[in-house]
């Protein structure tokens, strides 16, 4: 339960694990007794535990893996983990709640930005934008040719969206504008009126959808049930002309299987903003000209980061006032 107002007469002690936008850090310092970072280095597990032991609230990011063992060592003071980001698969939420520690996140903030990046990757891969950019930057361009850098037309392609939550629906709206045919597979089918608005066709069978799509967009969260949802068997169902785009979580795709198939020409291309092992990317992926790799930029906008910070502040302030954070994460939601 949130702490009572009488127990929060003094400012909450809050620790931030990474550098946040300056405006967010400034406002946080005004409201709370804050431990800020001087550098932006990823903390070790022992350093994270040390922070948790001395504060009421921890503000981690997606790079901070917080497991049951670390929570057991955190002590009794920690009462809230106010995550800076929507995804919480890096936090053992169930263990936290069992120890009386609430977890909050920042849902909805990254929706439009991530959907923009999804369409950007679809265009980049299908229109071979990185190849043209590399040629120009290397000074190799000899002028226009009718057969050079031939990509494919986006309009008319079948887009299969894996995960039709906020971001998946935002991708669908953008795909409609580009003239793509929208299809989707989801844990739960959307209401008919929403399907009509999105001009989206539902597939109960993921396997059948995969076999018929030109582009696959992964917009599902990482949970035990979605780990390697696109495994080697399912990837082999794709047409050799298909493109895979992932702006959600790298663990949803078997990265080694995807790499093998891309190298063998069994899949036409991929646009990846997230990777199965964080920043440790399969080096064979970097060698492929039919792959666009980005450093987890899907939500990286000035506006998005500011809104994420505002949600974190509201969650902590609401908790400090003795109420449940508005963006409380409940284990059954995962």
C-alpha atoms as a PDB file:
ATOM      1  CA  UNK A   1       0.000   0.000   0.000  1.00  0.00           C
ATOM      2  CA  UNK A   2       1.197   3.579  -0.606  1.00  0.00           C
ATOM      3  CA  UNK A   3       2.696   5.301   2.380  1.00  0.00           C
ATOM      4  CA  UNK A   4       0.406   7.545   4.396  1.00  0.00           C
ATOM      5  CA  UNK A   5       0.828  11.338   4.143  1.00  0.00           C
ATOM      6  CA  UNK A   6       1.927  11.490   7.801  1.00  0.00           C
ATOM      7  CA  UNK A   7       4.900   9.220   7.062  1.00  0.00           C
ATOM      8  CA  UNK A   8       5.921  11.373   4.090  1.00  0.00           C
ATOM      9  CA  UNK A   9       6.405  14.720   5.853  1.00  0.00           C
ATOM     10  CA  UNK A  10       9.998  14.747   4.727  1.00  0.00           C
ATOM     11  CA  UNK A  11      10.796  14.704   1.028  1.00  0.00           C
ATOM     12  CA  UNK A  12      10.988  11.263  -0.527  1.00  0.00           C
ATOM     13  CA  UNK A  13      14.483  10.048  -1.259  1.00  0.00           C
ATOM     14  CA  UNK A  14      14.549   9.230  -4.991  1.00  0.00           C
ATOM     15  CA  UNK A  15      17.405   7.715  -7.021  1.00  0.00           C
ATOM     16  CA  UNK A  16      17.694   7.910 -10.809  1.00  0.00           C
ATOM     17  CA  UNK A  17      19.764   5.252 -12.588  1.00  0.00           C
ATOM     18  CA  UNK A  18      20.519   7.129 -15.838  1.00  0.00           C
ATOM     19  CA  UNK A  19      20.742  10.733 -17.024  1.00  0.00           C
ATOM     20  CA  UNK A  20      17.284  12.112 -17.830  1.00  0.00           C
ATOM     21  CA  UNK A  21      16.336  15.256 -19.790  1.00  0.00           C
ATOM     22  CA  UNK A  22      17.523  18.334 -17.895  1.00  0.00           C
ATOM     23  CA  UNK A  23      14.008  19.710 -17.364  1.00  0.00           C
ATOM     24  CA  UNK A  24      12.916  16.404 -15.806  1.00  0.00           C
ATOM     25  CA  UNK A  25      15.908  16.278 -13.460  1.00  0.00           C
ATOM     26  CA  UNK A  26      15.373  19.900 -12.434  1.00  0.00           C
ATOM     27  CA  UNK A  27      11.710  19.379 -11.585  1.00  0.00           C
ATOM     28  CA  UNK A  28      12.479  16.135  -9.758  1.00  0.00           C
ATOM     29  CA  UNK A  29      15.084  17.953  -7.650  1.00  0.00           C
ATOM     30  CA  UNK A  30      12.511  20.582  -6.722  1.00  0.00           C
ATOM     31  CA  UNK A  31       9.968  18.013  -5.569  1.00  0.00           C
ATOM     32  CA  UNK A  32      12.111  15.320  -3.959  1.00  0.00           C
ATOM     33  CA  UNK A  33      15.457  14.575  -2.329  1.00  0.00           C
ATOM     34  CA  UNK A  34      17.073  13.199  -5.464  1.00  0.00           C
ATOM     35  CA  UNK A  35      20.221  11.221  -6.196  1.00  0.00           C
ATOM     36  CA  UNK A  36      21.125  12.089  -9.803  1.00  0.00           C
ATOM     37  CA  UNK A  37      23.794  10.615 -12.040  1.00  0.00           C
ATOM     38  CA  UNK A  38      26.841  12.606 -13.102  1.00  0.00           C
ATOM     39  CA  UNK A  39      27.494  10.224 -15.994  1.00  0.00           C
ATOM     40  CA  UNK A  40      25.239   7.999 -18.101  1.00  0.00           C
ATOM     41  CA  UNK A  41      27.037   4.695 -17.542  1.00  0.00           C
ATOM     42  CA  UNK A  42      24.882   1.600 -17.065  1.00  0.00           C
ATOM     43  CA  UNK A  43      25.057   0.537 -13.428  1.00  0.00           C
ATOM     44  CA  UNK A  44      26.084  -2.931 -12.285  1.00  0.00           C
ATOM     45  CA  UNK A  45      23.691  -5.095 -10.297  1.00  0.00           C
ATOM     46  CA  UNK A  46      25.572  -4.368  -7.069  1.00  0.00           C
ATOM     47  CA  UNK A  47      25.414  -0.637  -7.757  1.00  0.00           C
ATOM     48  CA  UNK A  48      21.671  -0.862  -8.375  1.00  0.00           C
ATOM     49  CA  UNK A  49      21.171  -2.760  -5.130  1.00  0.00           C
ATOM     50  CA  UNK A  50      23.209  -0.120  -3.325  1.00  0.00           C
ATOM     51  CA  UNK A  51      20.939   2.598  -4.676  1.00  0.00           C
ATOM     52  CA  UNK A  52      17.783   0.702  -3.733  1.00  0.00           C
ATOM     53  CA  UNK A  53      19.003   0.220  -0.165  1.00  0.00           C
ATOM     54  CA  UNK A  54      19.147   3.951   0.504  1.00  0.00           C
ATOM     55  CA  UNK A  55      16.017   5.357  -1.140  1.00  0.00           C
ATOM     56  CA  UNK A  56      12.230   5.298  -1.031  1.00  0.00           C
ATOM     57  CA  UNK A  57      11.850   5.389  -4.823  1.00  0.00           C
ATOM     58  CA  UNK A  58      14.019   4.057  -7.651  1.00  0.00           C
ATOM     59  CA  UNK A  59      13.646   5.453 -11.182  1.00  0.00           C
ATOM     60  CA  UNK A  60      15.174   2.841 -13.531  1.00  0.00           C
ATOM     61  CA  UNK A  61      15.126   2.490 -17.303  1.00  0.00           C
ATOM     62  CA  UNK A  62      14.967  -0.432 -19.720  1.00  0.00           C
ATOM     63  CA  UNK A  63      18.719  -1.025 -19.306  1.00  0.00           C
ATOM     64  CA  UNK A  64      18.355  -1.861 -15.604  1.00  0.00           C
ATOM     65  CA  UNK A  65      17.607  -5.534 -15.006  1.00  0.00           C
ATOM     66  CA  UNK A  66      16.001  -5.862 -11.567  1.00  0.00           C
ATOM     67  CA  UNK A  67      15.443  -9.455 -10.496  1.00  0.00           C
ATOM     68  CA  UNK A  68      14.122 -11.208  -7.387  1.00  0.00           C
ATOM     69  CA  UNK A  69      17.561 -11.650  -5.838  1.00  0.00           C
ATOM     70  CA  UNK A  70      18.307  -7.935  -6.131  1.00  0.00           C
ATOM     71  CA  UNK A  71      14.947  -7.035  -4.635  1.00  0.00           C
ATOM     72  CA  UNK A  72      15.630  -9.376  -1.704  1.00  0.00           C
ATOM     73  CA  UNK A  73      18.828  -7.426  -1.016  1.00  0.00           C
ATOM     74  CA  UNK A  74      17.213  -4.016  -1.377  1.00  0.00           C
ATOM     75  CA  UNK A  75      16.108  -3.744   2.247  1.00  0.00           C
ATOM     76  CA  UNK A  76      12.891  -2.385   3.695  1.00  0.00           C
ATOM     77  CA  UNK A  77      13.060   1.287   2.696  1.00  0.00           C
ATOM     78  CA  UNK A  78      12.310   0.915  -1.020  1.00  0.00           C
ATOM     79  CA  UNK A  79       8.568   1.250  -1.658  1.00  0.00           C
ATOM     80  CA  UNK A  80       8.221   2.295  -5.318  1.00  0.00           C
ATOM     81  CA  UNK A  81       9.986   1.539  -8.594  1.00  0.00           C
ATOM     82  CA  UNK A  82       8.856   4.321 -10.955  1.00  0.00           C
ATOM     83  CA  UNK A  83      10.072   3.072 -14.304  1.00  0.00           C
ATOM     84  CA  UNK A  84      11.088   5.617 -16.952  1.00  0.00           C
ATOM     85  CA  UNK A  85       9.479   3.807 -19.873  1.00  0.00           C
ATOM     86  CA  UNK A  86       6.435   1.739 -20.771  1.00  0.00           C
ATOM     87  CA  UNK A  87       7.945  -1.755 -20.889  1.00  0.00           C
ATOM     88  CA  UNK A  88       8.616  -3.448 -17.550  1.00  0.00           C
ATOM     89  CA  UNK A  89       9.942  -6.835 -18.671  1.00  0.00           C
ATOM     90  CA  UNK A  90      13.307  -5.878 -17.122  1.00  0.00           C
ATOM     91  CA  UNK A  91      11.689  -5.757 -13.666  1.00  0.00           C
ATOM     92  CA  UNK A  92      10.442  -8.764 -11.681  1.00  0.00           C
ATOM     93  CA  UNK A  93       7.120  -7.085 -10.925  1.00  0.00           C
ATOM     94  CA  UNK A  94       5.655 -10.078  -9.082  1.00  0.00           C
ATOM     95  CA  UNK A  95       8.622 -10.327  -6.717  1.00  0.00           C
ATOM     96  CA  UNK A  96       8.482  -6.595  -6.138  1.00  0.00           C
ATOM     97  CA  UNK A  97       4.807  -6.688  -5.177  1.00  0.00           C
ATOM     98  CA  UNK A  98       5.398  -9.681  -2.906  1.00  0.00           C
ATOM     99  CA  UNK A  99       7.958  -7.567  -1.051  1.00  0.00           C
ATOM    100  CA  UNK A 100       5.589  -4.611  -0.807  1.00  0.00           C
ATOM    101  CA  UNK A 101       7.239  -2.591  -3.565  1.00  0.00           C
ATOM    102  CA  UNK A 102       4.931  -0.966  -6.120  1.00  0.00           C
ATOM    103  CA  UNK A 103       5.953  -0.648  -9.774  1.00  0.00           C
ATOM    104  CA  UNK A 104       4.735   2.076 -12.127  1.00  0.00           C
ATOM    105  CA  UNK A 105       5.491   2.824 -15.773  1.00  0.00           C
ATOM    106  CA  UNK A 106       4.771   5.425 -18.463  1.00  0.00           C
ATOM    107  CA  UNK A 107       2.248   3.898 -20.907  1.00  0.00           C
ATOM    108  CA  UNK A 108       0.984   5.619 -24.021  1.00  0.00           C
ATOM    109  CA  UNK A 109       3.785   8.152 -24.296  1.00  0.00           C
ATOM    110  CA  UNK A 110       5.844   6.320 -26.928  1.00  0.00           C
ATOM    111  CA  UNK A 111       2.933   5.233 -29.134  1.00  0.00           C
ATOM    112  CA  UNK A 112       3.120   7.752 -31.951  1.00  0.00           C
ATOM    113  CA  UNK A 113       6.925   8.019 -31.980  1.00  0.00           C
ATOM    114  CA  UNK A 114       7.404   4.253 -32.173  1.00  0.00           C
ATOM    115  CA  UNK A 115       4.772   3.941 -34.907  1.00  0.00           C
ATOM    116  CA  UNK A 116       6.601   6.625 -36.889  1.00  0.00           C
ATOM    117  CA  UNK A 117       9.836   4.655 -36.583  1.00  0.00           C
ATOM    118  CA  UNK A 118       8.098   1.451 -37.671  1.00  0.00           C
ATOM    119  CA  UNK A 119       6.982   3.068 -40.921  1.00  0.00           C
ATOM    120  CA  UNK A 120      10.425   4.623 -41.349  1.00  0.00           C
ATOM    121  CA  UNK A 121      12.028   1.165 -41.141  1.00  0.00           C
ATOM    122  CA  UNK A 122       9.494  -0.333 -43.552  1.00  0.00           C
ATOM    123  CA  UNK A 123      10.322   2.392 -46.061  1.00  0.00           C
ATOM    124  CA  UNK A 124      14.060   2.183 -45.431  1.00  0.00           C
ATOM    125  CA  UNK A 125      14.217  -1.561 -46.079  1.00  0.00           C
ATOM    126  CA  UNK A 126      11.772  -1.788 -48.984  1.00  0.00           C
ATOM    127  CA  UNK A 127      13.180   1.272 -50.781  1.00  0.00           C
ATOM    128  CA  UNK A 128      16.847   0.453 -49.995  1.00  0.00           C
ATOM    129  CA  UNK A 129      17.485   3.858 -48.482  1.00  0.00           C
ATOM    130  CA  UNK A 130      20.625   2.813 -46.521  1.00  0.00           C
ATOM    131  CA  UNK A 131      22.249   1.487 -49.718  1.00  0.00           C
ATOM    132  CA  UNK A 132      21.717   4.812 -51.461  1.00  0.00           C
ATOM    133  CA  UNK A 133      22.939   6.736 -48.432  1.00  0.00           C
ATOM    134  CA  UNK A 134      26.105   4.634 -48.175  1.00  0.00           C
ATOM    135  CA  UNK A 135      26.864   5.173 -51.869  1.00  0.00           C
ATOM    136  CA  UNK A 136      26.452   8.940 -51.548  1.00  0.00           C
ATOM    137  CA  UNK A 137      28.541   9.205 -48.381  1.00  0.00           C
ATOM    138  CA  UNK A 138      31.322   7.132 -49.944  1.00  0.00           C
ATOM    139  CA  UNK A 139      31.342   9.307 -53.060  1.00  0.00           C
ATOM    140  CA  UNK A 140      30.649   6.348 -55.340  1.00  0.00           C
ATOM    141  CA  UNK A 141      27.543   7.701 -57.096  1.00  0.00           C
ATOM    142  CA  UNK A 142      28.085   8.032 -60.852  1.00  0.00           C
ATOM    143  CA  UNK A 143      24.670   9.449 -61.678  1.00  0.00           C
ATOM    144  CA  UNK A 144      21.165   8.173 -62.187  1.00  0.00           C
ATOM    145  CA  UNK A 145      20.577   4.748 -63.732  1.00  0.00           C
ATOM    146  CA  UNK A 146      17.243   3.110 -64.606  1.00  0.00           C
ATOM    147  CA  UNK A 147      18.256  -0.160 -62.927  1.00  0.00           C
ATOM    148  CA  UNK A 148      20.105   1.100 -59.838  1.00  0.00           C
ATOM    149  CA  UNK A 149      18.808   0.685 -56.266  1.00  0.00           C
ATOM    150  CA  UNK A 150      15.511  -0.816 -57.275  1.00  0.00           C
ATOM    151  CA  UNK A 151      13.355  -1.294 -54.223  1.00  0.00           C
ATOM    152  CA  UNK A 152       9.703  -2.185 -53.995  1.00  0.00           C
ATOM    153  CA  UNK A 153       6.512  -0.178 -53.868  1.00  0.00           C
ATOM    154  CA  UNK A 154       4.991   0.017 -50.383  1.00  0.00           C
ATOM    155  CA  UNK A 155       1.423   0.644 -51.531  1.00  0.00           C
ATOM    156  CA  UNK A 156      -0.578  -2.554 -51.980  1.00  0.00           C
ATOM    157  CA  UNK A 157       1.671  -4.675 -49.774  1.00  0.00           C
ATOM    158  CA  UNK A 158       0.170  -6.848 -47.069  1.00  0.00           C
ATOM    159  CA  UNK A 159       1.291  -5.715 -43.615  1.00  0.00           C
ATOM    160  CA  UNK A 160       0.920  -8.246 -40.825  1.00  0.00           C
ATOM    161  CA  UNK A 161       0.986  -6.607 -37.392  1.00  0.00           C
ATOM    162  CA  UNK A 162       1.948  -8.884 -34.518  1.00  0.00           C
ATOM    163  CA  UNK A 163       0.427  -7.250 -31.442  1.00  0.00           C
ATOM    164  CA  UNK A 164      -2.461  -4.816 -31.907  1.00  0.00           C
ATOM    165  CA  UNK A 165      -2.190  -2.642 -28.822  1.00  0.00           C
ATOM    166  CA  UNK A 166      -1.710   1.124 -28.835  1.00  0.00           C
ATOM    167  CA  UNK A 167       1.401   1.032 -31.013  1.00  0.00           C
ATOM    168  CA  UNK A 168       0.121  -1.656 -33.360  1.00  0.00           C
ATOM    169  CA  UNK A 169      -3.026   0.367 -33.999  1.00  0.00           C
ATOM    170  CA  UNK A 170      -0.973   3.519 -34.603  1.00  0.00           C
ATOM    171  CA  UNK A 171       1.099   1.573 -37.144  1.00  0.00           C
ATOM    172  CA  UNK A 172      -2.112   0.407 -38.828  1.00  0.00           C
ATOM    173  CA  UNK A 173      -3.374   3.980 -39.200  1.00  0.00           C
ATOM    174  CA  UNK A 174      -0.128   5.037 -40.853  1.00  0.00           C
ATOM    175  CA  UNK A 175      -0.039   1.964 -43.085  1.00  0.00           C
ATOM    176  CA  UNK A 176      -3.519   2.796 -44.368  1.00  0.00           C
ATOM    177  CA  UNK A 177      -2.282   6.205 -45.505  1.00  0.00           C
ATOM    178  CA  UNK A 178       0.505   4.504 -47.456  1.00  0.00           C
ATOM    179  CA  UNK A 179      -1.991   2.223 -49.166  1.00  0.00           C
ATOM    180  CA  UNK A 180      -0.942  -0.975 -47.409  1.00  0.00           C
ATOM    181  CA  UNK A 181      -3.373  -3.791 -46.650  1.00  0.00           C
ATOM    182  CA  UNK A 182      -3.498  -4.175 -42.870  1.00  0.00           C
ATOM    183  CA  UNK A 183      -3.737  -7.591 -41.211  1.00  0.00           C
ATOM    184  CA  UNK A 184      -3.089  -8.492 -37.588  1.00  0.00           C
ATOM    185  CA  UNK A 185      -2.730 -11.239 -35.017  1.00  0.00           C
ATOM    186  CA  UNK A 186      -3.398 -10.411 -31.393  1.00  0.00           C
ATOM    187  CA  UNK A 187      -4.018 -12.190 -28.120  1.00  0.00           C
ATOM    188  CA  UNK A 188      -7.538 -10.732 -28.212  1.00  0.00           C
ATOM    189  CA  UNK A 189      -9.485  -9.689 -31.274  1.00  0.00           C
ATOM    190  CA  UNK A 190     -10.396  -6.003 -31.565  1.00  0.00           C
ATOM    191  CA  UNK A 191     -13.976  -4.834 -31.518  1.00  0.00           C
ATOM    192  CA  UNK A 192     -15.625  -4.792 -34.987  1.00  0.00           C
ATOM    193  CA  UNK A 193     -15.892  -1.010 -35.030  1.00  0.00           C
ATOM    194  CA  UNK A 194     -12.174  -0.663 -34.289  1.00  0.00           C
ATOM    195  CA  UNK A 195     -11.314  -3.147 -37.032  1.00  0.00           C
ATOM    196  CA  UNK A 196     -13.450  -1.125 -39.421  1.00  0.00           C
ATOM    197  CA  UNK A 197     -11.726   2.119 -38.468  1.00  0.00           C
ATOM    198  CA  UNK A 198      -8.298   0.556 -38.971  1.00  0.00           C
ATOM    199  CA  UNK A 199      -9.381  -1.375 -42.087  1.00  0.00           C
ATOM    200  CA  UNK A 200      -7.701  -4.355 -40.439  1.00  0.00           C
ATOM    201  CA  UNK A 201      -8.244  -8.075 -41.041  1.00  0.00           C
ATOM    202  CA  UNK A 202      -7.884 -10.374 -38.036  1.00  0.00           C
ATOM    203  CA  UNK A 203      -6.055 -13.713 -38.218  1.00  0.00           C
ATOM    204  CA  UNK A 204      -6.693 -16.188 -35.435  1.00  0.00           C
ATOM    205  CA  UNK A 205      -3.785 -18.305 -36.707  1.00  0.00           C
ATOM    206  CA  UNK A 206      -0.407 -16.571 -36.545  1.00  0.00           C
ATOM    207  CA  UNK A 207       1.100 -19.237 -38.793  1.00  0.00           C
ATOM    208  CA  UNK A 208      -1.433 -18.640 -41.548  1.00  0.00           C
ATOM    209  CA  UNK A 209      -0.964 -14.878 -41.368  1.00  0.00           C
ATOM    210  CA  UNK A 210       2.822 -15.104 -41.542  1.00  0.00           C
ATOM    211  CA  UNK A 211       2.701 -17.228 -44.675  1.00  0.00           C
ATOM    212  CA  UNK A 212       0.683 -14.613 -46.573  1.00  0.00           C
ATOM    213  CA  UNK A 213       2.260 -11.287 -45.567  1.00  0.00           C
ATOM    214  CA  UNK A 214       4.742  -9.066 -47.408  1.00  0.00           C
ATOM    215  CA  UNK A 215       5.805  -7.163 -44.280  1.00  0.00           C
ATOM    216  CA  UNK A 216       5.699  -8.278 -40.645  1.00  0.00           C
ATOM    217  CA  UNK A 217       5.730  -5.610 -37.928  1.00  0.00           C
ATOM    218  CA  UNK A 218       6.461  -6.840 -34.400  1.00  0.00           C
ATOM    219  CA  UNK A 219       4.598  -4.706 -31.874  1.00  0.00           C
ATOM    220  CA  UNK A 220       4.073  -7.248 -29.098  1.00  0.00           C
ATOM    221  CA  UNK A 221       5.606  -6.859 -25.618  1.00  0.00           C
ATOM    222  CA  UNK A 222       8.158  -9.307 -24.257  1.00  0.00           C
ATOM    223  CA  UNK A 223       6.455 -11.756 -21.909  1.00  0.00           C
ATOM    224  CA  UNK A 224       7.069 -15.459 -21.227  1.00  0.00           C
ATOM    225  CA  UNK A 225       4.411 -16.269 -23.830  1.00  0.00           C
ATOM    226  CA  UNK A 226       5.953 -14.061 -26.535  1.00  0.00           C
ATOM    227  CA  UNK A 227       9.594 -15.102 -26.081  1.00  0.00           C
ATOM    228  CA  UNK A 228      10.770 -16.321 -29.522  1.00  0.00           C
ATOM    229  CA  UNK A 229       7.205 -16.117 -30.777  1.00  0.00           C
ATOM    230  CA  UNK A 230       8.853 -15.736 -34.180  1.00  0.00           C
ATOM    231  CA  UNK A 231      11.057 -18.800 -33.881  1.00  0.00           C
ATOM    232  CA  UNK A 232      12.865 -20.639 -36.662  1.00  0.00           C
ATOM    233  CA  UNK A 233       9.783 -22.665 -37.595  1.00  0.00           C
ATOM    234  CA  UNK A 234       7.568 -19.619 -37.933  1.00  0.00           C
ATOM    235  CA  UNK A 235      10.193 -17.567 -39.753  1.00  0.00           C
ATOM    236  CA  UNK A 236      10.385 -20.317 -42.356  1.00  0.00           C
ATOM    237  CA  UNK A 237       6.693 -19.722 -43.095  1.00  0.00           C
ATOM    238  CA  UNK A 238       7.498 -16.267 -44.469  1.00  0.00           C
ATOM    239  CA  UNK A 239       7.720 -15.662 -48.187  1.00  0.00           C
ATOM    240  CA  UNK A 240      11.298 -15.128 -49.452  1.00  0.00           C
ATOM    241  CA  UNK A 241      10.208 -11.626 -50.510  1.00  0.00           C
ATOM    242  CA  UNK A 242       8.981 -10.741 -47.014  1.00  0.00           C
ATOM    243  CA  UNK A 243      10.416  -8.036 -44.748  1.00  0.00           C
ATOM    244  CA  UNK A 244      10.498  -8.174 -40.930  1.00  0.00           C
ATOM    245  CA  UNK A 245      10.448  -5.006 -38.813  1.00  0.00           C
ATOM    246  CA  UNK A 246      10.805  -4.969 -35.023  1.00  0.00           C
ATOM    247  CA  UNK A 247      10.394  -1.849 -32.887  1.00  0.00           C
ATOM    248  CA  UNK A 248       9.070  -3.662 -29.789  1.00  0.00           C
ATOM    249  CA  UNK A 249      11.349  -6.119 -27.987  1.00  0.00           C
ATOM    250  CA  UNK A 250      14.197  -8.148 -29.463  1.00  0.00           C
ATOM    251  CA  UNK A 251      13.344 -11.262 -27.471  1.00  0.00           C
ATOM    252  CA  UNK A 252      10.174 -11.806 -29.510  1.00  0.00           C
ATOM    253  CA  UNK A 253      12.312 -12.947 -32.478  1.00  0.00           C
ATOM    254  CA  UNK A 254      14.875 -15.749 -32.537  1.00  0.00           C
ATOM    255  CA  UNK A 255      17.688 -13.467 -33.685  1.00  0.00           C
ATOM    256  CA  UNK A 256      20.064 -16.245 -34.699  1.00  0.00           C
ATOM    257  CA  UNK A 257      17.395 -17.919 -36.853  1.00  0.00           C
ATOM    258  CA  UNK A 258      16.497 -14.574 -38.446  1.00  0.00           C
ATOM    259  CA  UNK A 259      20.149 -13.880 -39.200  1.00  0.00           C
ATOM    260  CA  UNK A 260      20.642 -17.285 -40.855  1.00  0.00           C
ATOM    261  CA  UNK A 261      17.606 -16.811 -43.071  1.00  0.00           C
ATOM    262  CA  UNK A 262      18.561 -13.277 -44.065  1.00  0.00           C
ATOM    263  CA  UNK A 263      22.054 -14.464 -45.013  1.00  0.00           C
ATOM    264  CA  UNK A 264      20.582 -17.345 -47.013  1.00  0.00           C
ATOM    265  CA  UNK A 265      18.152 -15.087 -48.878  1.00  0.00           C
ATOM    266  CA  UNK A 266      15.153 -16.862 -47.367  1.00  0.00           C
ATOM    267  CA  UNK A 267      13.857 -13.511 -46.075  1.00  0.00           C
ATOM    268  CA  UNK A 268      14.260 -10.374 -48.187  1.00  0.00           C
ATOM    269  CA  UNK A 269      15.177  -7.912 -45.459  1.00  0.00           C
ATOM    270  CA  UNK A 270      14.757  -6.670 -41.914  1.00  0.00           C
ATOM    271  CA  UNK A 271      14.550  -3.396 -40.028  1.00  0.00           C
ATOM    272  CA  UNK A 272      15.496  -3.798 -36.371  1.00  0.00           C
ATOM    273  CA  UNK A 273      15.448  -1.178 -33.622  1.00  0.00           C
ATOM    274  CA  UNK A 274      15.691  -3.729 -30.792  1.00  0.00           C
ATOM    275  CA  UNK A 275      17.771  -6.852 -30.302  1.00  0.00           C
ATOM    276  CA  UNK A 276      17.514 -10.072 -28.360  1.00  0.00           C
ATOM    277  CA  UNK A 277      20.591  -9.413 -26.208  1.00  0.00           C
ATOM    278  CA  UNK A 278      20.362  -5.673 -25.722  1.00  0.00           C
ATOM    279  CA  UNK A 279      23.273  -3.820 -27.303  1.00  0.00           C
ATOM    280  CA  UNK A 280      25.158  -7.072 -27.942  1.00  0.00           C
ATOM    281  CA  UNK A 281      24.084  -7.486 -31.552  1.00  0.00           C
ATOM    282  CA  UNK A 282      24.808 -10.580 -33.595  1.00  0.00           C
ATOM    283  CA  UNK A 283      27.876  -9.422 -35.580  1.00  0.00           C
ATOM    284  CA  UNK A 284      26.660 -11.252 -38.688  1.00  0.00           C
ATOM    285  CA  UNK A 285      23.681  -8.914 -38.837  1.00  0.00           C
ATOM    286  CA  UNK A 286      26.017  -5.943 -39.332  1.00  0.00           C
ATOM    287  CA  UNK A 287      27.457  -7.515 -42.468  1.00  0.00           C
ATOM    288  CA  UNK A 288      24.132  -7.656 -44.323  1.00  0.00           C
ATOM    289  CA  UNK A 289      23.136  -4.993 -46.834  1.00  0.00           C
ATOM    290  CA  UNK A 290      19.458  -6.008 -46.624  1.00  0.00           C
ATOM    291  CA  UNK A 291      19.227  -5.143 -42.917  1.00  0.00           C
ATOM    292  CA  UNK A 292      18.693  -1.744 -41.300  1.00  0.00           C
ATOM    293  CA  UNK A 293      19.901  -1.597 -37.691  1.00  0.00           C
ATOM    294  CA  UNK A 294      19.043   1.247 -35.316  1.00  0.00           C
ATOM    295  CA  UNK A 295      20.172   1.799 -31.681  1.00  0.00           C
ATOM    296  CA  UNK A 296      16.760   1.530 -29.974  1.00  0.00           C
ATOM    297  CA  UNK A 297      15.592   4.887 -31.319  1.00  0.00           C
ATOM    298  CA  UNK A 298      11.878   4.152 -31.579  1.00  0.00           C
ATOM    299  CA  UNK A 299      10.843   6.435 -28.726  1.00  0.00           C
ATOM    300  CA  UNK A 300      13.753   8.855 -28.990  1.00  0.00           C
ATOM    301  CA  UNK A 301      12.071  12.216 -29.442  1.00  0.00           C
ATOM    302  CA  UNK A 302      12.478  15.303 -27.281  1.00  0.00           C
ATOM    303  CA  UNK A 303       8.725  15.461 -26.800  1.00  0.00           C
ATOM    304  CA  UNK A 304       8.420  11.790 -25.898  1.00  0.00           C
ATOM    305  CA  UNK A 305      11.190  11.840 -23.303  1.00  0.00           C
ATOM    306  CA  UNK A 306       9.683  14.948 -21.679  1.00  0.00           C
ATOM    307  CA  UNK A 307       6.260  13.279 -21.473  1.00  0.00           C
ATOM    308  CA  UNK A 308       7.815  10.141 -19.988  1.00  0.00           C
ATOM    309  CA  UNK A 309       9.486  12.269 -17.324  1.00  0.00           C
ATOM    310  CA  UNK A 310       6.212  14.016 -16.537  1.00  0.00           C
ATOM    311  CA  UNK A 311       4.471  10.673 -16.031  1.00  0.00           C
ATOM    312  CA  UNK A 312       7.262   9.503 -13.713  1.00  0.00           C
ATOM    313  CA  UNK A 313       6.905  12.687 -11.665  1.00  0.00           C
ATOM    314  CA  UNK A 314       3.128  12.290 -11.421  1.00  0.00           C
ATOM    315  CA  UNK A 315       3.472   8.656 -10.332  1.00  0.00           C
ATOM    316  CA  UNK A 316       5.960   9.537  -7.582  1.00  0.00           C
ATOM    317  CA  UNK A 317       4.045  12.624  -6.432  1.00  0.00           C
ATOM    318  CA  UNK A 318       0.766  10.692  -6.252  1.00  0.00           C
ATOM    319  CA  UNK A 319       2.496   7.974  -4.231  1.00  0.00           C
ATOM    320  CA  UNK A 320       4.007  10.588  -1.909  1.00  0.00           C
ATOM    321  CA  UNK A 321       0.522  11.977  -1.319  1.00  0.00           C
ATOM    322  CA  UNK A 322      -0.624   8.575  -0.075  1.00  0.00           C
ATOM    323  CA  UNK A 323      -2.396   7.344  -3.221  1.00  0.00           C
ATOM    324  CA  UNK A 324      -1.803   4.595  -5.759  1.00  0.00           C
ATOM    325  CA  UNK A 325       0.293   5.775  -8.703  1.00  0.00           C
ATOM    326  CA  UNK A 326      -1.978   6.275 -11.752  1.00  0.00           C
ATOM    327  CA  UNK A 327       0.236   4.062 -13.885  1.00  0.00           C
ATOM    328  CA  UNK A 328       0.556   1.223 -11.389  1.00  0.00           C
ATOM    329  CA  UNK A 329       1.632  -2.062 -12.993  1.00  0.00           C
ATOM    330  CA  UNK A 330      -0.296  -5.079 -11.752  1.00  0.00           C
ATOM    331  CA  UNK A 331       1.360  -8.505 -12.227  1.00  0.00           C
ATOM    332  CA  UNK A 332      -1.820  -9.922 -13.825  1.00  0.00           C
ATOM    333  CA  UNK A 333      -1.450  -7.305 -16.593  1.00  0.00           C
ATOM    334  CA  UNK A 334       1.802  -8.870 -17.795  1.00  0.00           C
END
